[in-house]
Amino acid sequence: MNVWIAIAATAVGCYLVKLLGLLVPAGALERPLVRRLAALLPVALLAALTAQQTFSSGQHLVLDARGAGLAAAAVALMLRAPFLVIVAAAVLVTAGVRAMGG
């Protein structure tokens, strides 16, 4: 029965969060600062998720082949390579480091 209470509480919480978003006045959303922050939020979230997936294993901080692949992707990005080249560089460097035992 506790599981169903948790499910119901989560559903109510999600509904309230959605409702709060709808209750924000339109004028507040038109401010330049809010627009800029809303545009940057997906980038920050993606960067945080990438860092978490790259440098963690459970509860531990790790530096392994994934970090090398991310570094290769960053270098390719700075060189303004096309997206597929960036992904290929990351995959190849990660695979190479893992093949060498890293």
PDB file of N, CA and C in Angstrom:
ATOM      1  N   MET A   1       0.818  -1.201   0.000  1.00  0.00           N
ATOM      2  CA  MET A   1       0.000   0.000   0.000  1.00  0.00           C
ATOM      3  C   MET A   1       0.863   1.268   0.000  1.00  0.00           C
ATOM      4  N   ASN A   2       2.039   1.222   0.603  1.00  0.00           N
ATOM      5  CA  ASN A   2       2.905   2.389   0.650  1.00  0.00           C
ATOM      6  C   ASN A   2       3.357   2.826  -0.732  1.00  0.00           C
ATOM      7  N   VAL A   3       3.503   1.864  -1.646  1.00  0.00           N
ATOM      8  CA  VAL A   3       3.915   2.197  -3.005  1.00  0.00           C
ATOM      9  C   VAL A   3       2.843   3.051  -3.677  1.00  0.00           C
ATOM     10  N   TRP A   4       1.583   2.704  -3.471  1.00  0.00           N
ATOM     11  CA  TRP A   4       0.499   3.461  -4.097  1.00  0.00           C
ATOM     12  C   TRP A   4       0.388   4.866  -3.507  1.00  0.00           C
ATOM     13  N   ILE A   5       0.700   5.011  -2.246  1.00  0.00           N
ATOM     14  CA  ILE A   5       0.705   6.345  -1.631  1.00  0.00           C
ATOM     15  C   ILE A   5       1.821   7.177  -2.250  1.00  0.00           C
ATOM     16  N   ALA A   6       2.985   6.574  -2.444  1.00  0.00           N
ATOM     17  CA  ALA A   6       4.104   7.285  -3.065  1.00  0.00           C
ATOM     18  C   ALA A   6       3.773   7.672  -4.504  1.00  0.00           C
ATOM     19  N   ILE A   7       3.112   6.782  -5.226  1.00  0.00           N
ATOM     20  CA  ILE A   7       2.721   7.085  -6.612  1.00  0.00           C
ATOM     21  C   ILE A   7       1.718   8.230  -6.640  1.00  0.00           C
ATOM     22  N   ALA A   8       0.739   8.194  -5.757  1.00  0.00           N
ATOM     23  CA  ALA A   8      -0.264   9.261  -5.702  1.00  0.00           C
ATOM     24  C   ALA A   8       0.373  10.595  -5.302  1.00  0.00           C
ATOM     25  N   ALA A   9       1.269  10.563  -4.333  1.00  0.00           N
ATOM     26  CA  ALA A   9       1.934  11.798  -3.901  1.00  0.00           C
ATOM     27  C   ALA A   9       2.796  12.367  -5.026  1.00  0.00           C
ATOM     28  N   THR A  10       3.461  11.504  -5.762  1.00  0.00           N
ATOM     29  CA  THR A  10       4.276  11.960  -6.885  1.00  0.00           C
ATOM     30  C   THR A  10       3.403  12.559  -7.977  1.00  0.00           C
ATOM     31  N   ALA A  11       2.282  11.921  -8.261  1.00  0.00           N
ATOM     32  CA  ALA A  11       1.367  12.440  -9.282  1.00  0.00           C
ATOM     33  C   ALA A  11       0.830  13.811  -8.885  1.00  0.00           C
ATOM     34  N   VAL A  12       0.442  13.971  -7.633  1.00  0.00           N
ATOM     35  CA  VAL A  12      -0.059  15.266  -7.155  1.00  0.00           C
ATOM     36  C   VAL A  12       1.050  16.308  -7.220  1.00  0.00           C
ATOM     37  N   GLY A  13       2.265  15.929  -6.828  1.00  0.00           N
ATOM     38  CA  GLY A  13       3.401  16.852  -6.893  1.00  0.00           C
ATOM     39  C   GLY A  13       3.677  17.307  -8.317  1.00  0.00           C
ATOM     40  N   CYS A  14       3.655  16.374  -9.262  1.00  0.00           N
ATOM     41  CA  CYS A  14       3.876  16.731 -10.673  1.00  0.00           C
ATOM     42  C   CYS A  14       2.784  17.667 -11.175  1.00  0.00           C
ATOM     43  N   TYR A  15       1.539  17.396 -10.801  1.00  0.00           N
ATOM     44  CA  TYR A  15       0.439  18.259 -11.210  1.00  0.00           C
ATOM     45  C   TYR A  15       0.627  19.666 -10.651  1.00  0.00           C
ATOM     46  N   LEU A  16       1.027  19.774  -9.381  1.00  0.00           N
ATOM     47  CA  LEU A  16       1.214  21.090  -8.774  1.00  0.00           C
ATOM     48  C   LEU A  16       2.366  21.861  -9.428  1.00  0.00           C
ATOM     49  N   VAL A  17       3.428  21.164  -9.800  1.00  0.00           N
ATOM     50  CA  VAL A  17       4.540  21.835 -10.478  1.00  0.00           C
ATOM     51  C   VAL A  17       4.081  22.374 -11.828  1.00  0.00           C
ATOM     52  N   LYS A  18       3.312  21.581 -12.559  1.00  0.00           N
ATOM     53  CA  LYS A  18       2.772  22.044 -13.847  1.00  0.00           C
ATOM     54  C   LYS A  18       1.834  23.229 -13.637  1.00  0.00           C
ATOM     55  N   LEU A  19       1.007  23.163 -12.607  1.00  0.00           N
ATOM     56  CA  LEU A  19       0.069  24.245 -12.327  1.00  0.00           C
ATOM     57  C   LEU A  19       0.802  25.530 -11.970  1.00  0.00           C
ATOM     58  N   LEU A  20       1.874  25.430 -11.201  1.00  0.00           N
ATOM     59  CA  LEU A  20       2.656  26.614 -10.857  1.00  0.00           C
ATOM     60  C   LEU A  20       3.244  27.261 -12.110  1.00  0.00           C
ATOM     61  N   GLY A  21       3.670  26.452 -13.054  1.00  0.00           N
ATOM     62  CA  GLY A  21       4.194  26.985 -14.308  1.00  0.00           C
ATOM     63  C   GLY A  21       3.133  27.743 -15.094  1.00  0.00           C
ATOM     64  N   LEU A  22       1.913  27.268 -15.037  1.00  0.00           N
ATOM     65  CA  LEU A  22       0.823  27.949 -15.751  1.00  0.00           C
ATOM     66  C   LEU A  22       0.370  29.218 -15.049  1.00  0.00           C
ATOM     67  N   LEU A  23       0.602  29.302 -13.747  1.00  0.00           N
ATOM     68  CA  LEU A  23       0.148  30.465 -12.981  1.00  0.00           C
ATOM     69  C   LEU A  23       1.128  31.637 -13.020  1.00  0.00           C
ATOM     70  N   VAL A  24       2.310  31.440 -13.610  1.00  0.00           N
ATOM     71  CA  VAL A  24       3.282  32.527 -13.712  1.00  0.00           C
ATOM     72  C   VAL A  24       2.736  33.567 -14.684  1.00  0.00           C
ATOM     73  N   PRO A  25       2.705  34.832 -14.292  1.00  0.00           N
ATOM     74  CA  PRO A  25       2.183  35.874 -15.184  1.00  0.00           C
ATOM     75  C   PRO A  25       3.005  35.964 -16.478  1.00  0.00           C
ATOM     76  N   ALA A  26       2.350  36.232 -17.583  1.00  0.00           N
ATOM     77  CA  ALA A  26       3.025  36.315 -18.883  1.00  0.00           C
ATOM     78  C   ALA A  26       4.084  37.419 -18.887  1.00  0.00           C
ATOM     79  N   GLY A  27       3.838  38.485 -18.171  1.00  0.00           N
ATOM     80  CA  GLY A  27       4.799  39.585 -18.118  1.00  0.00           C
ATOM     81  C   GLY A  27       6.126  39.168 -17.504  1.00  0.00           C
ATOM     82  N   ALA A  28       6.077  38.255 -16.543  1.00  0.00           N
ATOM     83  CA  ALA A  28       7.307  37.789 -15.911  1.00  0.00           C
ATOM     84  C   ALA A  28       8.149  36.970 -16.880  1.00  0.00           C
ATOM     85  N   LEU A  29       7.502  36.291 -17.806  1.00  0.00           N
ATOM     86  CA  LEU A  29       8.219  35.460 -18.765  1.00  0.00           C
ATOM     87  C   LEU A  29       8.813  36.263 -19.918  1.00  0.00           C
ATOM     88  N   GLU A  30       8.386  37.505 -20.075  1.00  0.00           N
ATOM     89  CA  GLU A  30       8.876  38.337 -21.171  1.00  0.00           C
ATOM     90  C   GLU A  30      10.122  39.139 -20.811  1.00  0.00           C
ATOM     91  N   ARG A  31      10.536  39.092 -19.561  1.00  0.00           N
ATOM     92  CA  ARG A  31      11.726  39.833 -19.146  1.00  0.00           C
ATOM     93  C   ARG A  31      12.963  39.274 -19.838  1.00  0.00           C
ATOM     94  N   PRO A  32      13.903  40.140 -20.229  1.00  0.00           N
ATOM     95  CA  PRO A  32      15.102  39.664 -20.937  1.00  0.00           C
ATOM     96  C   PRO A  32      15.931  38.667 -20.137  1.00  0.00           C
ATOM     97  N   LEU A  33      16.069  38.882 -18.832  1.00  0.00           N
ATOM     98  CA  LEU A  33      16.846  37.968 -18.009  1.00  0.00           C
ATOM     99  C   LEU A  33      16.216  36.579 -17.978  1.00  0.00           C
ATOM    100  N   VAL A  34      14.909  36.527 -17.834  1.00  0.00           N
ATOM    101  CA  VAL A  34      14.210  35.239 -17.798  1.00  0.00           C
ATOM    102  C   VAL A  34      14.343  34.529 -19.139  1.00  0.00           C
ATOM    103  N   ARG A  35      14.224  35.265 -20.232  1.00  0.00           N
ATOM    104  CA  ARG A  35      14.368  34.658 -21.567  1.00  0.00           C
ATOM    105  C   ARG A  35      15.772  34.101 -21.764  1.00  0.00           C
ATOM    106  N   ARG A  36      16.790  34.858 -21.319  1.00  0.00           N
ATOM    107  CA  ARG A  36      18.166  34.407 -21.480  1.00  0.00           C
ATOM    108  C   ARG A  36      18.437  33.174 -20.629  1.00  0.00           C
ATOM    109  N   LEU A  37      17.952  33.172 -19.399  1.00  0.00           N
ATOM    110  CA  LEU A  37      18.136  32.006 -18.536  1.00  0.00           C
ATOM    111  C   LEU A  37      17.404  30.787 -19.078  1.00  0.00           C
ATOM    112  N   ALA A  38      16.213  30.993 -19.622  1.00  0.00           N
ATOM    113  CA  ALA A  38      15.461  29.876 -20.201  1.00  0.00           C
ATOM    114  C   ALA A  38      16.169  29.305 -21.422  1.00  0.00           C
ATOM    115  N   ALA A  39      16.864  30.152 -22.171  1.00  0.00           N
ATOM    116  CA  ALA A  39      17.594  29.674 -23.339  1.00  0.00           C
ATOM    117  C   ALA A  39      18.847  28.901 -22.930  1.00  0.00           C
ATOM    118  N   LEU A  40      19.457  29.269 -21.800  1.00  0.00           N
ATOM    119  CA  LEU A  40      20.685  28.617 -21.362  1.00  0.00           C
ATOM    120  C   LEU A  40      20.442  27.373 -20.510  1.00  0.00           C
ATOM    121  N   LEU A  41      19.256  27.209 -19.988  1.00  0.00           N
ATOM    122  CA  LEU A  41      18.969  26.087 -19.095  1.00  0.00           C
ATOM    123  C   LEU A  41      19.173  24.721 -19.742  1.00  0.00           C
ATOM    124  N   PRO A  42      18.715  24.467 -20.970  1.00  0.00           N
ATOM    125  CA  PRO A  42      18.965  23.149 -21.573  1.00  0.00           C
ATOM    126  C   PRO A  42      20.452  22.851 -21.770  1.00  0.00           C
ATOM    127  N   VAL A  43      21.239  23.861 -22.110  1.00  0.00           N
ATOM    128  CA  VAL A  43      22.677  23.664 -22.292  1.00  0.00           C
ATOM    129  C   VAL A  43      23.324  23.284 -20.961  1.00  0.00           C
ATOM    130  N   ALA A  44      22.953  23.978 -19.898  1.00  0.00           N
ATOM    131  CA  ALA A  44      23.517  23.679 -18.582  1.00  0.00           C
ATOM    132  C   ALA A  44      23.109  22.286 -18.118  1.00  0.00           C
ATOM    133  N   LEU A  45      21.872  21.906 -18.365  1.00  0.00           N
ATOM    134  CA  LEU A  45      21.407  20.587 -17.970  1.00  0.00           C
ATOM    135  C   LEU A  45      22.139  19.495 -18.740  1.00  0.00           C
ATOM    136  N   LEU A  46      22.305  19.680 -20.037  1.00  0.00           N
ATOM    137  CA  LEU A  46      23.023  18.697 -20.842  1.00  0.00           C
ATOM    138  C   LEU A  46      24.484  18.586 -20.408  1.00  0.00           C
ATOM    139  N   ALA A  47      25.121  19.708 -20.105  1.00  0.00           N
ATOM    140  CA  ALA A  47      26.506  19.680 -19.640  1.00  0.00           C
ATOM    141  C   ALA A  47      26.623  18.951 -18.306  1.00  0.00           C
ATOM    142  N   ALA A  48      25.692  19.181 -17.404  1.00  0.00           N
ATOM    143  CA  ALA A  48      25.726  18.504 -16.108  1.00  0.00           C
ATOM    144  C   ALA A  48      25.516  17.002 -16.262  1.00  0.00           C
ATOM    145  N   LEU A  49      24.576  16.614 -17.118  1.00  0.00           N
ATOM    146  CA  LEU A  49      24.346  15.183 -17.340  1.00  0.00           C
ATOM    147  C   LEU A  49      25.544  14.517 -18.004  1.00  0.00           C
ATOM    148  N   THR A  50      26.181  15.215 -18.943  1.00  0.00           N
ATOM    149  CA  THR A  50      27.371  14.675 -19.597  1.00  0.00           C
ATOM    150  C   THR A  50      28.498  14.488 -18.586  1.00  0.00           C
ATOM    151  N   ALA A  51      28.730  15.471 -17.758  1.00  0.00           N
ATOM    152  CA  ALA A  51      29.785  15.374 -16.744  1.00  0.00           C
ATOM    153  C   ALA A  51      29.495  14.246 -15.758  1.00  0.00           C
ATOM    154  N   GLN A  52      28.260  14.115 -15.346  1.00  0.00           N
ATOM    155  CA  GLN A  52      27.898  13.069 -14.389  1.00  0.00           C
ATOM    156  C   GLN A  52      28.102  11.686 -14.999  1.00  0.00           C
ATOM    157  N   GLN A  53      27.704  11.505 -16.244  1.00  0.00           N
ATOM    158  CA  GLN A  53      27.857  10.206 -16.893  1.00  0.00           C
ATOM    159  C   GLN A  53      29.315   9.898 -17.236  1.00  0.00           C
ATOM    160  N   THR A  54      30.110  10.931 -17.475  1.00  0.00           N
ATOM    161  CA  THR A  54      31.502  10.724 -17.872  1.00  0.00           C
ATOM    162  C   THR A  54      32.416  10.460 -16.687  1.00  0.00           C
ATOM    163  N   PHE A  55      32.223  11.167 -15.613  1.00  0.00           N
ATOM    164  CA  PHE A  55      33.186  11.136 -14.517  1.00  0.00           C
ATOM    165  C   PHE A  55      32.700  10.443 -13.252  1.00  0.00           C
ATOM    166  N   SER A  56      31.634   9.657 -13.338  1.00  0.00           N
ATOM    167  CA  SER A  56      31.173   8.967 -12.134  1.00  0.00           C
ATOM    168  C   SER A  56      30.869   7.506 -12.435  1.00  0.00           C
ATOM    169  N   SER A  57      31.013   6.728 -11.400  1.00  0.00           N
ATOM    170  CA  SER A  57      30.648   5.318 -11.442  1.00  0.00           C
ATOM    171  C   SER A  57      30.031   5.003 -10.091  1.00  0.00           C
ATOM    172  N   GLY A  58      28.737   4.976 -10.045  1.00  0.00           N
ATOM    173  CA  GLY A  58      28.061   4.803  -8.757  1.00  0.00           C
ATOM    174  C   GLY A  58      28.279   6.040  -7.905  1.00  0.00           C
ATOM    175  N   GLN A  59      28.912   5.847  -6.769  1.00  0.00           N
ATOM    176  CA  GLN A  59      29.175   6.958  -5.851  1.00  0.00           C
ATOM    177  C   GLN A  59      30.613   7.464  -5.939  1.00  0.00           C
ATOM    178  N   HIS A  60      31.374   6.994  -6.935  1.00  0.00           N
ATOM    179  CA  HIS A  60      32.795   7.319  -7.011  1.00  0.00           C
ATOM    180  C   HIS A  60      33.114   8.166  -8.232  1.00  0.00           C
ATOM    181  N   LEU A  61      34.093   9.024  -8.065  1.00  0.00           N
ATOM    182  CA  LEU A  61      34.606   9.837  -9.158  1.00  0.00           C
ATOM    183  C   LEU A  61      35.677   9.035  -9.882  1.00  0.00           C
ATOM    184  N   VAL A  62      35.551   8.916 -11.212  1.00  0.00           N
ATOM    185  CA  VAL A  62      36.511   8.121 -11.988  1.00  0.00           C
ATOM    186  C   VAL A  62      36.996   8.925 -13.187  1.00  0.00           C
ATOM    187  N   LEU A  63      38.210   8.610 -13.600  1.00  0.00           N
ATOM    188  CA  LEU A  63      38.752   9.190 -14.818  1.00  0.00           C
ATOM    189  C   LEU A  63      39.246   8.022 -15.662  1.00  0.00           C
ATOM    190  N   ASP A  64      38.486   7.687 -16.690  1.00  0.00           N
ATOM    191  CA  ASP A  64      38.830   6.545 -17.517  1.00  0.00           C
ATOM    192  C   ASP A  64      38.730   6.919 -18.993  1.00  0.00           C
ATOM    193  N   ALA A  65      38.479   5.963 -19.841  1.00  0.00           N
ATOM    194  CA  ALA A  65      38.441   6.187 -21.285  1.00  0.00           C
ATOM    195  C   ALA A  65      37.355   7.186 -21.686  1.00  0.00           C
ATOM    196  N   ARG A  66      36.298   7.254 -20.916  1.00  0.00           N
ATOM    197  CA  ARG A  66      35.228   8.205 -21.243  1.00  0.00           C
ATOM    198  C   ARG A  66      35.723   9.638 -21.178  1.00  0.00           C
ATOM    199  N   GLY A  67      36.591   9.936 -20.212  1.00  0.00           N
ATOM    200  CA  GLY A  67      37.158  11.280 -20.104  1.00  0.00           C
ATOM    201  C   GLY A  67      38.022  11.630 -21.299  1.00  0.00           C
ATOM    202  N   ALA A  68      38.788  10.652 -21.768  1.00  0.00           N
ATOM    203  CA  ALA A  68      39.616  10.876 -22.958  1.00  0.00           C
ATOM    204  C   ALA A  68      38.737  11.123 -24.181  1.00  0.00           C
ATOM    205  N   GLY A  69      37.664  10.387 -24.302  1.00  0.00           N
ATOM    206  CA  GLY A  69      36.734  10.602 -25.413  1.00  0.00           C
ATOM    207  C   GLY A  69      36.075  11.967 -25.359  1.00  0.00           C
ATOM    208  N   LEU A  70      35.713  12.397 -24.166  1.00  0.00           N
ATOM    209  CA  LEU A  70      35.127  13.722 -24.010  1.00  0.00           C
ATOM    210  C   LEU A  70      36.134  14.812 -24.351  1.00  0.00           C
ATOM    211  N   ALA A  71      37.386  14.609 -23.960  1.00  0.00           N
ATOM    212  CA  ALA A  71      38.436  15.578 -24.302  1.00  0.00           C
ATOM    213  C   ALA A  71      38.641  15.647 -25.817  1.00  0.00           C
ATOM    214  N   ALA A  72      38.623  14.495 -26.479  1.00  0.00           N
ATOM    215  CA  ALA A  72      38.753  14.480 -27.943  1.00  0.00           C
ATOM    216  C   ALA A  72      37.584  15.206 -28.597  1.00  0.00           C
ATOM    217  N   ALA A  73      36.394  15.007 -28.071  1.00  0.00           N
ATOM    218  CA  ALA A  73      35.229  15.702 -28.611  1.00  0.00           C
ATOM    219  C   ALA A  73      35.355  17.208 -28.399  1.00  0.00           C
ATOM    220  N   ALA A  74      35.870  17.620 -27.248  1.00  0.00           N
ATOM    221  CA  ALA A  74      36.049  19.047 -26.970  1.00  0.00           C
ATOM    222  C   ALA A  74      37.056  19.674 -27.929  1.00  0.00           C
ATOM    223  N   VAL A  75      38.145  18.949 -28.209  1.00  0.00           N
ATOM    224  CA  VAL A  75      39.147  19.458 -29.152  1.00  0.00           C
ATOM    225  C   VAL A  75      38.538  19.580 -30.547  1.00  0.00           C
ATOM    226  N   ALA A  76      37.807  18.555 -30.966  1.00  0.00           N
ATOM    227  CA  ALA A  76      37.159  18.606 -32.287  1.00  0.00           C
ATOM    228  C   ALA A  76      36.141  19.743 -32.353  1.00  0.00           C
ATOM    229  N   LEU A  77      35.456  19.979 -31.251  1.00  0.00           N
ATOM    230  CA  LEU A  77      34.489  21.074 -31.209  1.00  0.00           C
ATOM    231  C   LEU A  77      35.181  22.426 -31.317  1.00  0.00           C
ATOM    232  N   MET A  78      36.309  22.579 -30.640  1.00  0.00           N
ATOM    233  CA  MET A  78      37.064  23.839 -30.727  1.00  0.00           C
ATOM    234  C   MET A  78      37.617  24.068 -32.130  1.00  0.00           C
ATOM    235  N   LEU A  79      37.884  22.980 -32.836  1.00  0.00           N
ATOM    236  CA  LEU A  79      38.357  23.092 -34.216  1.00  0.00           C
ATOM    237  C   LEU A  79      37.213  23.274 -35.205  1.00  0.00           C
ATOM    238  N   ARG A  80      36.004  23.385 -34.674  1.00  0.00           N
ATOM    239  CA  ARG A  80      34.783  23.600 -35.448  1.00  0.00           C
ATOM    240  C   ARG A  80      34.515  22.479 -36.457  1.00  0.00           C
ATOM    241  N   ALA A  81      34.754  21.264 -36.020  1.00  0.00           N
ATOM    242  CA  ALA A  81      34.486  20.098 -36.854  1.00  0.00           C
ATOM    243  C   ALA A  81      32.976  19.864 -36.923  1.00  0.00           C
ATOM    244  N   PRO A  82      32.507  19.216 -37.979  1.00  0.00           N
ATOM    245  CA  PRO A  82      31.078  18.862 -38.056  1.00  0.00           C
ATOM    246  C   PRO A  82      30.697  17.895 -36.928  1.00  0.00           C
ATOM    247  N   PHE A  83      29.417  17.863 -36.628  1.00  0.00           N
ATOM    248  CA  PHE A  83      28.928  17.075 -35.502  1.00  0.00           C
ATOM    249  C   PHE A  83      29.327  15.604 -35.611  1.00  0.00           C
ATOM    250  N   LEU A  84      29.168  15.006 -36.773  1.00  0.00           N
ATOM    251  CA  LEU A  84      29.506  13.595 -36.919  1.00  0.00           C
ATOM    252  C   LEU A  84      31.001  13.346 -36.712  1.00  0.00           C
ATOM    253  N   VAL A  85      31.833  14.280 -37.099  1.00  0.00           N
ATOM    254  CA  VAL A  85      33.278  14.150 -36.864  1.00  0.00           C
ATOM    255  C   VAL A  85      33.573  14.225 -35.365  1.00  0.00           C
ATOM    256  N   ILE A  86      32.874  15.080 -34.666  1.00  0.00           N
ATOM    257  CA  ILE A  86      33.048  15.200 -33.214  1.00  0.00           C
ATOM    258  C   ILE A  86      32.689  13.884 -32.535  1.00  0.00           C
ATOM    259  N   VAL A  87      31.545  13.332 -32.917  1.00  0.00           N
ATOM    260  CA  VAL A  87      31.114  12.062 -32.326  1.00  0.00           C
ATOM    261  C   VAL A  87      32.100  10.953 -32.683  1.00  0.00           C
ATOM    262  N   ALA A  88      32.530  10.898 -33.938  1.00  0.00           N
ATOM    263  CA  ALA A  88      33.477   9.866 -34.363  1.00  0.00           C
ATOM    264  C   ALA A  88      34.797   9.989 -33.605  1.00  0.00           C
ATOM    265  N   ALA A  89      35.278  11.196 -33.405  1.00  0.00           N
ATOM    266  CA  ALA A  89      36.518  11.394 -32.653  1.00  0.00           C
ATOM    267  C   ALA A  89      36.373  10.874 -31.231  1.00  0.00           C
ATOM    268  N   ALA A  90      35.263  11.189 -30.604  1.00  0.00           N
ATOM    269  CA  ALA A  90      35.037  10.719 -29.234  1.00  0.00           C
ATOM    270  C   ALA A  90      34.971   9.201 -29.175  1.00  0.00           C
ATOM    271  N   VAL A  91      34.273   8.602 -30.122  1.00  0.00           N
ATOM    272  CA  VAL A  91      34.136   7.138 -30.131  1.00  0.00           C
ATOM    273  C   VAL A  91      35.489   6.475 -30.378  1.00  0.00           C
ATOM    274  N   LEU A  92      36.234   6.986 -31.362  1.00  0.00           N
ATOM    275  CA  LEU A  92      37.510   6.365 -31.683  1.00  0.00           C
ATOM    276  C   LEU A  92      38.526   6.490 -30.558  1.00  0.00           C
ATOM    277  N   VAL A  93      38.588   7.664 -29.938  1.00  0.00           N
ATOM    278  CA  VAL A  93      39.541   7.838 -28.828  1.00  0.00           C
ATOM    279  C   VAL A  93      39.131   6.975 -27.629  1.00  0.00           C
ATOM    280  N   THR A  94      37.848   6.932 -27.322  1.00  0.00           N
ATOM    281  CA  THR A  94      37.387   6.096 -26.211  1.00  0.00           C
ATOM    282  C   THR A  94      37.715   4.634 -26.470  1.00  0.00           C
ATOM    283  N   ALA A  95      37.413   4.161 -27.675  1.00  0.00           N
ATOM    284  CA  ALA A  95      37.700   2.768 -28.018  1.00  0.00           C
ATOM    285  C   ALA A  95      39.199   2.497 -27.993  1.00  0.00           C
ATOM    286  N   GLY A  96      39.996   3.441 -28.488  1.00  0.00           N
ATOM    287  CA  GLY A  96      41.451   3.264 -28.485  1.00  0.00           C
ATOM    288  C   GLY A  96      42.014   3.166 -27.087  1.00  0.00           C
ATOM    289  N   VAL A  97      41.554   4.041 -26.201  1.00  0.00           N
ATOM    290  CA  VAL A  97      42.044   4.001 -24.806  1.00  0.00           C
ATOM    291  C   VAL A  97      41.611   2.709 -24.122  1.00  0.00           C
ATOM    292  N   ARG A  98      40.389   2.265 -24.373  1.00  0.00           N
ATOM    293  CA  ARG A  98      39.939   1.006 -23.778  1.00  0.00           C
ATOM    294  C   ARG A  98      40.721  -0.176 -24.348  1.00  0.00           C
ATOM    295  N   ALA A  99      41.042  -0.127 -25.637  1.00  0.00           N
ATOM    296  CA  ALA A  99      41.817  -1.217 -26.256  1.00  0.00           C
ATOM    297  C   ALA A  99      43.228  -1.288 -25.677  1.00  0.00           C
ATOM    298  N   MET A 100      43.771  -0.154 -25.272  1.00  0.00           N
ATOM    299  CA  MET A 100      45.112  -0.124 -24.681  1.00  0.00           C
ATOM    300  C   MET A 100      45.084  -0.510 -23.201  1.00  0.00           C
ATOM    301  N   GLY A 101      43.884  -0.760 -22.685  1.00  0.00           N
ATOM    302  CA  GLY A 101      43.770  -1.200 -21.286  1.00  0.00           C
ATOM    303  C   GLY A 101      43.451  -0.099 -20.317  1.00  0.00           C
ATOM    304  N   GLY A 102      43.041   1.050 -20.814  1.00  0.00           N
ATOM    305  CA  GLY A 102      42.765   2.171 -19.926  1.00  0.00           C
ATOM    306  C   GLY A 102      41.358   2.303 -19.503  1.00  0.00           C
TER     307      GLY A 102
END
